[in-house]
Amino acid sequence: MANPEEHFPRDLSHSDPLNVDREQLLATHRHWKQTQQKIPMGPSEANSSHHVPDKVGGKLDFFQLDRRDADFRHRDLRNANFQEAYLPGADFEGANLRGANFQGANLRGARFHQTQLAWANFSQADLIWANFRQANLQGAKFREATLRGTTFLQANIRGGDFHSVDCSWADFHEADLGEAQFHQANLTGTNFQDANVGTTDFSEAKGRQEVLRVEDSPSSAGPWLL
């Protein structure tokens, strides 16, 4: 790590004292900023030598990372650990997060548009108003997560686990929920219009008594909650 004094003017003996103080303050700030920025937040920072995330067992480790509106777009983050991270408003658009662990994370309003999230773990995560539009969530686990108002428009969630999830007012419009589990989930106001729910398990789901199947629907619009 470079010494901040290397950035000071070499000859300050004849300089204005105020300018000297200013130069020293700026150099110290630059040095501090370099020591603090350890995690790459976007493609433009991927090759920076001082932006290197920690690794545990060969996996990227963001355990309890605290950063609002973080930018992870189009990053390769397979099997990364975001357990208990505080990332409201984070943007993961187009990223590869296959097998990633978000257990207990705060992801309110996070964006996962067209993100690869197969087999990811969101158990007990806060995903209120998050956006999973067109994401691949095959086999993803959301057990006991909070999904109020969350969007899953046109997402692939085959085999997804929503056991005991609060997904009231969530939007699963045109989502593929084949073989997904909503056992004991809160489905108050949840939208399943035109979703594939032919093999979905809604046993003991709360908030609505019945999910209409395509063959039972009074119109051609598809299945939705009564």
C-alpha atoms as a PDB file:
ATOM      1  CA  MET A   1       0.000   0.000   0.000  1.00  0.00           C
ATOM      2  CA  ALA A   2       1.361   3.364  -0.965  1.00  0.00           C
ATOM      3  CA  ASN A   3       2.345   5.795   1.756  1.00  0.00           C
ATOM      4  CA  PRO A   4       0.048   8.863   1.667  1.00  0.00           C
ATOM      5  CA  GLU A   5       3.094  11.076   2.103  1.00  0.00           C
ATOM      6  CA  GLU A   6       4.225  10.045  -1.373  1.00  0.00           C
ATOM      7  CA  HIS A   7       1.375  12.159  -2.759  1.00  0.00           C
ATOM      8  CA  PHE A   8       2.384  15.308  -0.860  1.00  0.00           C
ATOM      9  CA  PRO A   9       4.162  18.126  -2.746  1.00  0.00           C
ATOM     10  CA  ARG A  10       7.908  17.568  -2.501  1.00  0.00           C
ATOM     11  CA  ASP A  11       8.725  21.192  -1.621  1.00  0.00           C
ATOM     12  CA  LEU A  12       6.183  22.944   0.531  1.00  0.00           C
ATOM     13  CA  SER A  13       8.530  25.390   2.246  1.00  0.00           C
ATOM     14  CA  HIS A  14       7.383  28.354   0.170  1.00  0.00           C
ATOM     15  CA  SER A  15       3.732  27.334  -0.210  1.00  0.00           C
ATOM     16  CA  ASP A  16       0.742  28.961   1.390  1.00  0.00           C
ATOM     17  CA  PRO A  17       0.034  27.163   4.713  1.00  0.00           C
ATOM     18  CA  LEU A  18      -3.629  26.752   3.789  1.00  0.00           C
ATOM     19  CA  ASN A  19      -2.742  25.069   0.508  1.00  0.00           C
ATOM     20  CA  VAL A  20      -0.290  22.787   2.310  1.00  0.00           C
ATOM     21  CA  ASP A  21      -2.985  21.687   4.745  1.00  0.00           C
ATOM     22  CA  ARG A  22      -5.400  21.149   1.884  1.00  0.00           C
ATOM     23  CA  GLU A  23      -2.951  18.966  -0.064  1.00  0.00           C
ATOM     24  CA  GLN A  24      -2.166  16.872   2.991  1.00  0.00           C
ATOM     25  CA  LEU A  25      -5.864  16.424   3.789  1.00  0.00           C
ATOM     26  CA  LEU A  26      -6.673  15.303   0.246  1.00  0.00           C
ATOM     27  CA  ALA A  27      -3.745  12.865   0.170  1.00  0.00           C
ATOM     28  CA  THR A  28      -4.781  11.358   3.506  1.00  0.00           C
ATOM     29  CA  HIS A  29      -8.357  10.979   2.276  1.00  0.00           C
ATOM     30  CA  ARG A  30      -7.217   9.216  -0.907  1.00  0.00           C
ATOM     31  CA  HIS A  31      -5.154   6.800   1.148  1.00  0.00           C
ATOM     32  CA  TRP A  32      -8.071   6.091   3.525  1.00  0.00           C
ATOM     33  CA  LYS A  33     -10.482   5.531   0.640  1.00  0.00           C
ATOM     34  CA  GLN A  34      -8.165   2.969  -0.942  1.00  0.00           C
ATOM     35  CA  THR A  35      -7.920   0.987   2.293  1.00  0.00           C
ATOM     36  CA  GLN A  36     -11.710   0.945   2.738  1.00  0.00           C
ATOM     37  CA  GLN A  37     -12.824  -0.049  -0.762  1.00  0.00           C
ATOM     38  CA  LYS A  38     -12.162  -3.783  -0.657  1.00  0.00           C
ATOM     39  CA  ILE A  39     -15.197  -5.142  -2.509  1.00  0.00           C
ATOM     40  CA  PRO A  40     -15.774  -4.743  -6.258  1.00  0.00           C
ATOM     41  CA  MET A  41     -19.206  -3.250  -6.819  1.00  0.00           C
ATOM     42  CA  GLY A  42     -19.424  -3.244 -10.608  1.00  0.00           C
ATOM     43  CA  PRO A  43     -17.792  -4.368 -13.874  1.00  0.00           C
ATOM     44  CA  SER A  44     -15.649  -1.227 -14.065  1.00  0.00           C
ATOM     45  CA  GLU A  45     -13.981  -2.119 -10.764  1.00  0.00           C
ATOM     46  CA  ALA A  46     -13.433  -5.804 -11.445  1.00  0.00           C
ATOM     47  CA  ASN A  47      -9.752  -5.398 -12.330  1.00  0.00           C
ATOM     48  CA  SER A  48      -8.847  -2.995  -9.531  1.00  0.00           C
ATOM     49  CA  SER A  49      -6.057  -4.386  -7.351  1.00  0.00           C
ATOM     50  CA  HIS A  50      -7.497  -2.968  -4.122  1.00  0.00           C
ATOM     51  CA  HIS A  51     -11.053  -4.218  -4.792  1.00  0.00           C
ATOM     52  CA  VAL A  52     -10.714  -7.883  -3.867  1.00  0.00           C
ATOM     53  CA  PRO A  53     -13.484  -9.635  -1.878  1.00  0.00           C
ATOM     54  CA  ASP A  54     -12.567 -12.162   0.769  1.00  0.00           C
ATOM     55  CA  LYS A  55     -12.801 -15.833  -0.117  1.00  0.00           C
ATOM     56  CA  VAL A  56     -13.722 -18.732   2.147  1.00  0.00           C
ATOM     57  CA  GLY A  57     -13.272 -22.212   0.724  1.00  0.00           C
ATOM     58  CA  GLY A  58     -12.814 -20.723  -2.732  1.00  0.00           C
ATOM     59  CA  LYS A  59     -16.174 -18.886  -2.570  1.00  0.00           C
ATOM     60  CA  LEU A  60     -16.737 -15.131  -2.578  1.00  0.00           C
ATOM     61  CA  ASP A  61     -17.697 -14.103   0.941  1.00  0.00           C
ATOM     62  CA  PHE A  62     -19.911 -11.041   1.497  1.00  0.00           C
ATOM     63  CA  PHE A  63     -21.117 -12.137   4.946  1.00  0.00           C
ATOM     64  CA  GLN A  64     -22.952  -9.265   6.693  1.00  0.00           C
ATOM     65  CA  LEU A  65     -21.889  -6.796   4.006  1.00  0.00           C
ATOM     66  CA  ASP A  66     -23.532  -3.419   4.741  1.00  0.00           C
ATOM     67  CA  ARG A  67     -24.086  -1.361   1.597  1.00  0.00           C
ATOM     68  CA  ARG A  68     -27.166   0.337   0.165  1.00  0.00           C
ATOM     69  CA  ASP A  69     -27.819   0.389  -3.589  1.00  0.00           C
ATOM     70  CA  ALA A  70     -24.811  -1.854  -4.270  1.00  0.00           C
ATOM     71  CA  ASP A  71     -24.077  -2.587  -7.939  1.00  0.00           C
ATOM     72  CA  PHE A  72     -23.477  -6.273  -8.753  1.00  0.00           C
ATOM     73  CA  ARG A  73     -24.819  -6.199 -12.316  1.00  0.00           C
ATOM     74  CA  HIS A  74     -23.570  -8.898 -14.711  1.00  0.00           C
ATOM     75  CA  ARG A  75     -21.079 -10.227 -12.154  1.00  0.00           C
ATOM     76  CA  ASP A  76     -20.037 -13.883 -11.877  1.00  0.00           C
ATOM     77  CA  LEU A  77     -20.991 -14.613  -8.252  1.00  0.00           C
ATOM     78  CA  ARG A  78     -21.702 -18.332  -8.354  1.00  0.00           C
ATOM     79  CA  ASN A  79     -21.974 -19.855  -4.864  1.00  0.00           C
ATOM     80  CA  ALA A  80     -21.199 -16.478  -3.245  1.00  0.00           C
ATOM     81  CA  ASN A  81     -22.116 -16.002   0.404  1.00  0.00           C
ATOM     82  CA  PHE A  82     -24.377 -13.016   1.188  1.00  0.00           C
ATOM     83  CA  GLN A  83     -25.703 -14.412   4.454  1.00  0.00           C
ATOM     84  CA  GLU A  84     -27.157 -11.691   6.720  1.00  0.00           C
ATOM     85  CA  ALA A  85     -25.983  -8.972   4.314  1.00  0.00           C
ATOM     86  CA  TYR A  86     -27.701  -5.568   4.424  1.00  0.00           C
ATOM     87  CA  LEU A  87     -28.253  -4.696   0.754  1.00  0.00           C
ATOM     88  CA  PRO A  88     -31.532  -2.776   0.303  1.00  0.00           C
ATOM     89  CA  GLY A  89     -31.895  -1.517  -3.258  1.00  0.00           C
ATOM     90  CA  ALA A  90     -29.007  -3.636  -4.562  1.00  0.00           C
ATOM     91  CA  ASP A  91     -28.894  -4.288  -8.319  1.00  0.00           C
ATOM     92  CA  PHE A  92     -28.028  -7.854  -9.425  1.00  0.00           C
ATOM     93  CA  GLU A  93     -29.387  -7.559 -12.982  1.00  0.00           C
ATOM     94  CA  GLY A  94     -27.937 -10.204 -15.307  1.00  0.00           C
ATOM     95  CA  ALA A  95     -25.580 -11.585 -12.658  1.00  0.00           C
ATOM     96  CA  ASN A  96     -24.758 -15.287 -12.265  1.00  0.00           C
ATOM     97  CA  LEU A  97     -25.712 -16.150  -8.676  1.00  0.00           C
ATOM     98  CA  ARG A  98     -26.285 -19.855  -9.128  1.00  0.00           C
ATOM     99  CA  GLY A  99     -26.143 -21.523  -5.716  1.00  0.00           C
ATOM    100  CA  ALA A 100     -25.621 -18.232  -3.855  1.00  0.00           C
ATOM    101  CA  ASN A 101     -26.559 -17.973  -0.183  1.00  0.00           C
ATOM    102  CA  PHE A 102     -28.741 -14.984   0.863  1.00  0.00           C
ATOM    103  CA  GLN A 103     -30.068 -16.503   4.079  1.00  0.00           C
ATOM    104  CA  GLY A 104     -31.305 -13.822   6.480  1.00  0.00           C
ATOM    105  CA  ALA A 105     -30.238 -10.996   4.142  1.00  0.00           C
ATOM    106  CA  ASN A 106     -32.046  -7.658   3.841  1.00  0.00           C
ATOM    107  CA  LEU A 107     -32.775  -7.229   0.127  1.00  0.00           C
ATOM    108  CA  ARG A 108     -35.719  -4.851   0.208  1.00  0.00           C
ATOM    109  CA  GLY A 109     -36.335  -3.410  -3.234  1.00  0.00           C
ATOM    110  CA  ALA A 110     -33.390  -5.341  -4.709  1.00  0.00           C
ATOM    111  CA  ARG A 111     -33.371  -5.928  -8.468  1.00  0.00           C
ATOM    112  CA  PHE A 112     -32.756  -9.415  -9.912  1.00  0.00           C
ATOM    113  CA  HIS A 113     -33.944  -8.829 -13.492  1.00  0.00           C
ATOM    114  CA  GLN A 114     -32.891 -11.758 -15.737  1.00  0.00           C
ATOM    115  CA  THR A 115     -30.545 -13.014 -13.021  1.00  0.00           C
ATOM    116  CA  GLN A 116     -29.318 -16.620 -12.802  1.00  0.00           C
ATOM    117  CA  LEU A 117     -30.381 -17.811  -9.332  1.00  0.00           C
ATOM    118  CA  ALA A 118     -30.906 -21.552  -9.713  1.00  0.00           C
ATOM    119  CA  TRP A 119     -30.608 -23.325  -6.333  1.00  0.00           C
ATOM    120  CA  ALA A 120     -30.009 -20.029  -4.500  1.00  0.00           C
ATOM    121  CA  ASN A 121     -30.975 -19.851  -0.825  1.00  0.00           C
ATOM    122  CA  PHE A 122     -33.181 -16.913   0.291  1.00  0.00           C
ATOM    123  CA  SER A 123     -34.449 -18.528   3.496  1.00  0.00           C
ATOM    124  CA  GLN A 124     -35.566 -15.965   6.110  1.00  0.00           C
ATOM    125  CA  ALA A 125     -34.534 -13.109   3.803  1.00  0.00           C
ATOM    126  CA  ASP A 126     -36.366  -9.765   3.629  1.00  0.00           C
ATOM    127  CA  LEU A 127     -37.369  -9.365  -0.027  1.00  0.00           C
ATOM    128  CA  ILE A 128     -40.219  -6.874   0.263  1.00  0.00           C
ATOM    129  CA  TRP A 129     -40.768  -5.170  -3.115  1.00  0.00           C
ATOM    130  CA  ALA A 130     -37.818  -6.997  -4.685  1.00  0.00           C
ATOM    131  CA  ASN A 131     -37.971  -7.621  -8.454  1.00  0.00           C
ATOM    132  CA  PHE A 132     -37.213 -11.083  -9.909  1.00  0.00           C
ATOM    133  CA  ARG A 133     -38.626 -10.398 -13.364  1.00  0.00           C
ATOM    134  CA  GLN A 134     -37.573 -13.117 -15.866  1.00  0.00           C
ATOM    135  CA  ALA A 135     -35.082 -14.550 -13.372  1.00  0.00           C
ATOM    136  CA  ASN A 136     -34.091 -18.213 -13.319  1.00  0.00           C
ATOM    137  CA  LEU A 137     -34.973 -19.421  -9.829  1.00  0.00           C
ATOM    138  CA  GLN A 138     -35.235 -23.132 -10.476  1.00  0.00           C
ATOM    139  CA  GLY A 139     -34.972 -25.003  -7.181  1.00  0.00           C
ATOM    140  CA  ALA A 140     -34.469 -21.769  -5.194  1.00  0.00           C
ATOM    141  CA  LYS A 141     -35.313 -21.837  -1.494  1.00  0.00           C
ATOM    142  CA  PHE A 142     -37.419 -19.073   0.096  1.00  0.00           C
ATOM    143  CA  ARG A 143     -38.470 -20.824   3.321  1.00  0.00           C
ATOM    144  CA  GLU A 144     -39.810 -18.374   5.928  1.00  0.00           C
ATOM    145  CA  ALA A 145     -38.798 -15.386   3.770  1.00  0.00           C
ATOM    146  CA  THR A 146     -40.797 -12.153   3.502  1.00  0.00           C
ATOM    147  CA  LEU A 147     -41.968 -11.553  -0.068  1.00  0.00           C
ATOM    148  CA  ARG A 148     -44.718  -8.965   0.356  1.00  0.00           C
ATOM    149  CA  GLY A 149     -45.248  -7.152  -2.934  1.00  0.00           C
ATOM    150  CA  THR A 150     -42.366  -8.984  -4.613  1.00  0.00           C
ATOM    151  CA  THR A 151     -42.450  -9.372  -8.414  1.00  0.00           C
ATOM    152  CA  PHE A 152     -41.760 -12.708 -10.139  1.00  0.00           C
ATOM    153  CA  LEU A 153     -43.149 -11.791 -13.564  1.00  0.00           C
ATOM    154  CA  GLN A 154     -42.262 -14.479 -16.150  1.00  0.00           C
ATOM    155  CA  ALA A 155     -39.723 -16.051 -13.780  1.00  0.00           C
ATOM    156  CA  ASN A 156     -38.737 -19.727 -13.897  1.00  0.00           C
ATOM    157  CA  ILE A 157     -39.293 -21.043 -10.359  1.00  0.00           C
ATOM    158  CA  ARG A 158     -39.797 -24.738 -11.032  1.00  0.00           C
ATOM    159  CA  GLY A 159     -39.311 -26.699  -7.838  1.00  0.00           C
ATOM    160  CA  GLY A 160     -39.081 -23.518  -5.737  1.00  0.00           C
ATOM    161  CA  ASP A 161     -39.572 -23.853  -1.975  1.00  0.00           C
ATOM    162  CA  PHE A 162     -41.944 -21.235  -0.492  1.00  0.00           C
ATOM    163  CA  HIS A 163     -42.753 -23.096   2.724  1.00  0.00           C
ATOM    164  CA  SER A 164     -44.201 -20.736   5.383  1.00  0.00           C
ATOM    165  CA  VAL A 165     -43.444 -17.686   3.216  1.00  0.00           C
ATOM    166  CA  ASP A 166     -45.329 -14.386   3.470  1.00  0.00           C
ATOM    167  CA  CYS A 167     -45.883 -13.571  -0.209  1.00  0.00           C
ATOM    168  CA  SER A 168     -49.031 -11.513   0.239  1.00  0.00           C
ATOM    169  CA  TRP A 169     -49.648  -9.252  -2.762  1.00  0.00           C
ATOM    170  CA  ALA A 170     -46.698 -10.779  -4.615  1.00  0.00           C
ATOM    171  CA  ASP A 171     -46.935 -11.032  -8.401  1.00  0.00           C
ATOM    172  CA  PHE A 172     -46.303 -14.410 -10.090  1.00  0.00           C
ATOM    173  CA  HIS A 173     -47.874 -13.389 -13.401  1.00  0.00           C
ATOM    174  CA  GLU A 174     -46.790 -15.836 -16.161  1.00  0.00           C
ATOM    175  CA  ALA A 175     -44.267 -17.499 -13.830  1.00  0.00           C
ATOM    176  CA  ASP A 176     -43.421 -21.194 -14.138  1.00  0.00           C
ATOM    177  CA  LEU A 177     -44.211 -22.703 -10.734  1.00  0.00           C
ATOM    178  CA  GLY A 178     -44.233 -26.355 -11.731  1.00  0.00           C
ATOM    179  CA  GLU A 179     -43.665 -28.574  -8.665  1.00  0.00           C
ATOM    180  CA  ALA A 180     -43.129 -25.523  -6.440  1.00  0.00           C
ATOM    181  CA  GLN A 181     -44.139 -25.764  -2.765  1.00  0.00           C
ATOM    182  CA  PHE A 182     -46.315 -23.116  -1.044  1.00  0.00           C
ATOM    183  CA  HIS A 183     -47.124 -25.204   2.032  1.00  0.00           C
ATOM    184  CA  GLN A 184     -48.476 -22.961   4.832  1.00  0.00           C
ATOM    185  CA  ALA A 185     -47.619 -19.820   2.826  1.00  0.00           C
ATOM    186  CA  ASN A 186     -49.552 -16.546   3.167  1.00  0.00           C
ATOM    187  CA  LEU A 187     -51.138 -15.936  -0.242  1.00  0.00           C
ATOM    188  CA  THR A 188     -53.365 -12.979   0.596  1.00  0.00           C
ATOM    189  CA  GLY A 189     -53.831 -10.973  -2.611  1.00  0.00           C
ATOM    190  CA  THR A 190     -51.129 -12.937  -4.444  1.00  0.00           C
ATOM    191  CA  ASN A 191     -51.404 -12.849  -8.248  1.00  0.00           C
ATOM    192  CA  PHE A 192     -50.987 -16.132 -10.178  1.00  0.00           C
ATOM    193  CA  GLN A 193     -52.596 -14.966 -13.405  1.00  0.00           C
ATOM    194  CA  ASP A 194     -51.404 -17.024 -16.404  1.00  0.00           C
ATOM    195  CA  ALA A 195     -48.854 -18.782 -14.188  1.00  0.00           C
ATOM    196  CA  ASN A 196     -48.066 -22.487 -14.524  1.00  0.00           C
ATOM    197  CA  VAL A 197     -49.474 -23.927 -11.276  1.00  0.00           C
ATOM    198  CA  GLY A 198     -50.646 -27.293 -12.595  1.00  0.00           C
ATOM    199  CA  THR A 199     -48.331 -29.237 -10.278  1.00  0.00           C
ATOM    200  CA  THR A 200     -47.859 -26.607  -7.556  1.00  0.00           C
ATOM    201  CA  ASP A 201     -48.482 -27.568  -3.919  1.00  0.00           C
ATOM    202  CA  PHE A 202     -50.740 -25.052  -2.122  1.00  0.00           C
ATOM    203  CA  SER A 203     -51.566 -27.301   0.844  1.00  0.00           C
ATOM    204  CA  GLU A 204     -52.520 -25.396   4.006  1.00  0.00           C
ATOM    205  CA  ALA A 205     -51.811 -22.072   2.272  1.00  0.00           C
ATOM    206  CA  LYS A 206     -53.267 -19.101   4.166  1.00  0.00           C
ATOM    207  CA  GLY A 207     -55.216 -16.051   3.017  1.00  0.00           C
ATOM    208  CA  ARG A 208     -57.175 -17.638   0.153  1.00  0.00           C
ATOM    209  CA  GLN A 209     -59.143 -20.841   0.099  1.00  0.00           C
ATOM    210  CA  GLU A 210     -58.582 -21.993  -3.438  1.00  0.00           C
ATOM    211  CA  VAL A 211     -56.369 -21.479  -6.476  1.00  0.00           C
ATOM    212  CA  LEU A 212     -58.216 -21.863  -9.753  1.00  0.00           C
ATOM    213  CA  ARG A 213     -56.681 -24.150 -12.370  1.00  0.00           C
ATOM    214  CA  VAL A 214     -56.862 -23.331 -16.055  1.00  0.00           C
ATOM    215  CA  GLU A 215     -59.623 -25.863 -16.632  1.00  0.00           C
ATOM    216  CA  ASP A 216     -61.699 -24.386 -13.773  1.00  0.00           C
ATOM    217  CA  SER A 217     -61.256 -20.738 -14.634  1.00  0.00           C
ATOM    218  CA  PRO A 218     -64.370 -18.812 -15.784  1.00  0.00           C
ATOM    219  CA  SER A 219     -62.341 -17.142 -18.534  1.00  0.00           C
ATOM    220  CA  SER A 220     -59.249 -17.749 -20.623  1.00  0.00           C
ATOM    221  CA  ALA A 221     -57.089 -15.389 -18.569  1.00  0.00           C
ATOM    222  CA  GLY A 222     -55.544 -18.268 -16.604  1.00  0.00           C
ATOM    223  CA  PRO A 223     -55.280 -19.245 -12.912  1.00  0.00           C
ATOM    224  CA  TRP A 224     -55.458 -16.701 -10.119  1.00  0.00           C
ATOM    225  CA  LEU A 225     -56.422 -16.596  -6.487  1.00  0.00           C
ATOM    226  CA  LEU A 226     -60.047 -16.190  -5.491  1.00  0.00           C
END
